[in-house]
Amino acid sequence: MRIRKVAIYARVSTEHEAQLSALENQVQYYDDLIDRHPDWVLYR
């Protein structure tokens, strides 16, 4: 198995509460995606 270093890019345009929630949702989506690929390692 070849290990792949991956990065995520998540952003919002403002600091309003709804936008911060959207940011959390984006990060969670990518965390779940990376969890489903054992050959992916998040590059921090």
C-alpha atoms as a PDB file:
ATOM      1  CA  MET A   1       0.000   0.000   0.000  1.00  0.00           C
ATOM      2  CA  ARG A   2       1.349   3.404  -0.976  1.00  0.00           C
ATOM      3  CA  ILE A   3       0.840   6.121   1.640  1.00  0.00           C
ATOM      4  CA  ARG A   4      -0.429   9.428   0.283  1.00  0.00           C
ATOM      5  CA  LYS A   5      -0.081  12.678   2.168  1.00  0.00           C
ATOM      6  CA  VAL A   6      -3.220  14.740   1.648  1.00  0.00           C
ATOM      7  CA  ALA A   7      -4.261  18.219   2.705  1.00  0.00           C
ATOM      8  CA  ILE A   8      -7.648  19.802   3.095  1.00  0.00           C
ATOM      9  CA  TYR A   9      -8.740  23.327   2.321  1.00  0.00           C
ATOM     10  CA  ALA A  10     -11.776  24.618   4.168  1.00  0.00           C
ATOM     11  CA  ARG A  11     -12.830  28.237   4.428  1.00  0.00           C
ATOM     12  CA  VAL A  12     -15.629  30.624   5.217  1.00  0.00           C
ATOM     13  CA  SER A  13     -16.041  34.266   4.308  1.00  0.00           C
ATOM     14  CA  THR A  14     -17.120  35.658   7.687  1.00  0.00           C
ATOM     15  CA  GLU A  15     -16.950  34.851  11.388  1.00  0.00           C
ATOM     16  CA  HIS A  16     -20.725  34.708  11.851  1.00  0.00           C
ATOM     17  CA  GLU A  17     -22.002  31.726  13.831  1.00  0.00           C
ATOM     18  CA  ALA A  18     -23.583  30.081  10.776  1.00  0.00           C
ATOM     19  CA  GLN A  19     -20.332  30.373   8.863  1.00  0.00           C
ATOM     20  CA  LEU A  20     -18.312  28.852  11.704  1.00  0.00           C
ATOM     21  CA  SER A  21     -20.720  25.930  11.757  1.00  0.00           C
ATOM     22  CA  ALA A  22     -20.217  25.537   8.011  1.00  0.00           C
ATOM     23  CA  LEU A  23     -16.459  25.425   8.567  1.00  0.00           C
ATOM     24  CA  GLU A  24     -16.846  22.669  11.146  1.00  0.00           C
ATOM     25  CA  ASN A  25     -19.011  20.733   8.669  1.00  0.00           C
ATOM     26  CA  GLN A  26     -16.394  21.074   5.940  1.00  0.00           C
ATOM     27  CA  VAL A  27     -13.604  19.838   8.198  1.00  0.00           C
ATOM     28  CA  GLN A  28     -15.746  16.932   9.415  1.00  0.00           C
ATOM     29  CA  TYR A  29     -16.523  15.938   5.809  1.00  0.00           C
ATOM     30  CA  TYR A  30     -12.823  15.757   4.933  1.00  0.00           C
ATOM     31  CA  ASP A  31     -11.930  13.969   8.183  1.00  0.00           C
ATOM     32  CA  ASP A  32     -14.541  11.316   7.354  1.00  0.00           C
ATOM     33  CA  LEU A  33     -13.255  11.039   3.784  1.00  0.00           C
ATOM     34  CA  ILE A  34      -9.676  10.559   4.961  1.00  0.00           C
ATOM     35  CA  ASP A  35     -10.832   7.952   7.507  1.00  0.00           C
ATOM     36  CA  ARG A  36     -12.322   5.898   4.644  1.00  0.00           C
ATOM     37  CA  HIS A  37      -8.941   5.767   2.879  1.00  0.00           C
ATOM     38  CA  PRO A  38      -6.383   3.973   5.056  1.00  0.00           C
ATOM     39  CA  ASP A  39      -3.598   4.875   2.619  1.00  0.00           C
ATOM     40  CA  TRP A  40      -4.226   8.611   3.116  1.00  0.00           C
ATOM     41  CA  VAL A  41      -2.413  10.548   5.842  1.00  0.00           C
ATOM     42  CA  LEU A  42      -3.403  14.128   6.633  1.00  0.00           C
ATOM     43  CA  TYR A  43      -0.472  16.470   6.158  1.00  0.00           C
ATOM     44  CA  ARG A  44      -0.686  19.117   8.871  1.00  0.00           C
END
